[in-house]
Amino acid sequence: MPPAPIRSRKVRKILALEARARRLLRRYERALDRAHGIEWTLAGGQIAALHRGRAEQGSQPTPRAAAAAPPSSPPTTSL
């Protein structure tokens, strides 16, 4: 079997980022499962507080979303 070709720095970086993303996704899914398990134990008032908290969090843009938002007006050029 021929040896694997030497990968470029960019290819190694992409592969490492993809592997990290997979690890983070697994970790996120486990945390979400745990949160849903706890959610089932909440009483009526606690559920209402959770819904209010989620609504408050949803209305605030994340730093990444704010950075990716398009400009409010197109750039102008002066001649």
Protein backbone atom coordinates (compact mmCIF):
# COMPACT_ATOMS: atom_id res chain seq x y z
CA MET A 1 0.00 0.00 0.00
CA PRO A 2 1.51 3.36 -0.97
CA PRO A 3 2.16 5.87 1.79
CA ALA A 4 -0.43 8.60 2.33
CA PRO A 5 0.46 11.84 0.57
CA ILE A 6 1.75 14.67 2.70
CA ARG A 7 -1.08 17.07 3.41
CA SER A 8 -0.69 20.81 3.17
CA ARG A 9 -0.98 23.04 6.22
CA LYS A 10 -4.40 24.30 5.07
CA VAL A 11 -5.74 20.76 4.61
CA ARG A 12 -4.51 19.78 8.09
CA LYS A 13 -6.11 22.92 9.54
CA ILE A 14 -9.47 22.15 7.89
CA LEU A 15 -9.39 18.54 9.11
CA ALA A 16 -8.56 19.69 12.64
CA LEU A 17 -11.37 22.26 12.61
CA GLU A 18 -13.86 19.68 11.38
CA ALA A 19 -12.80 17.24 14.10
CA ARG A 20 -13.17 19.98 16.72
CA ALA A 21 -16.61 20.86 15.39
CA ARG A 22 -17.69 17.22 15.69
CA ARG A 23 -16.47 17.10 19.31
CA LEU A 24 -18.23 20.36 20.17
CA LEU A 25 -21.44 19.17 18.53
CA ARG A 26 -21.42 15.95 20.58
CA ARG A 27 -20.80 17.97 23.74
CA TYR A 28 -23.63 20.39 22.86
CA GLU A 29 -26.05 17.53 22.18
CA ARG A 30 -25.25 15.90 25.54
CA ALA A 31 -25.80 19.23 27.34
CA LEU A 32 -29.08 19.75 25.50
CA ASP A 33 -30.26 16.26 26.45
CA ARG A 34 -29.39 16.99 30.07
CA ALA A 35 -31.25 20.33 29.96
CA HIS A 36 -34.34 18.65 28.51
CA GLY A 37 -34.22 16.05 31.28
CA ILE A 38 -34.18 18.79 33.91
CA GLU A 39 -36.95 20.68 32.11
CA TRP A 40 -39.34 17.78 32.70
CA THR A 41 -38.96 18.24 36.48
CA LEU A 42 -40.04 21.93 36.49
CA ALA A 43 -43.27 23.08 38.11
CA GLY A 44 -45.73 25.54 36.48
CA GLY A 45 -44.12 28.78 37.69
CA GLN A 46 -40.67 27.52 36.82
CA ILE A 47 -41.76 26.63 33.31
CA ALA A 48 -43.13 30.15 32.84
CA ALA A 49 -39.83 31.61 34.07
CA LEU A 50 -37.94 29.35 31.66
CA HIS A 51 -40.09 30.52 28.74
CA ARG A 52 -39.54 34.17 29.69
CA GLY A 53 -35.80 33.58 29.97
CA ARG A 54 -35.69 31.92 26.57
CA ALA A 55 -37.65 34.80 25.04
CA GLU A 56 -35.21 37.33 26.53
CA GLN A 57 -32.20 35.40 25.25
CA GLY A 58 -33.72 35.02 21.80
CA SER A 59 -34.23 38.76 21.39
CA GLN A 60 -30.56 39.59 21.95
CA PRO A 61 -28.29 39.03 18.93
CA THR A 62 -25.19 36.98 19.47
CA PRO A 63 -21.83 38.63 18.71
CA ARG A 64 -21.40 36.43 15.62
CA ALA A 65 -24.90 37.24 14.33
CA ALA A 66 -24.35 40.96 14.87
CA ALA A 67 -21.05 40.82 12.99
CA ALA A 68 -22.61 38.91 10.10
CA ALA A 69 -25.57 41.27 9.75
CA PRO A 70 -25.56 43.21 6.48
CA PRO A 71 -25.03 46.97 6.70
CA SER A 72 -28.17 49.05 7.10
CA SER A 73 -27.43 51.04 3.94
CA PRO A 74 -25.18 50.35 0.99
CA PRO A 75 -21.80 52.02 1.04
CA THR A 76 -21.54 55.20 -0.93
CA THR A 77 -18.61 56.34 -2.98
CA SER A 78 -17.75 59.93 -3.61
CA LEU A 79 -15.96 61.03 -6.73
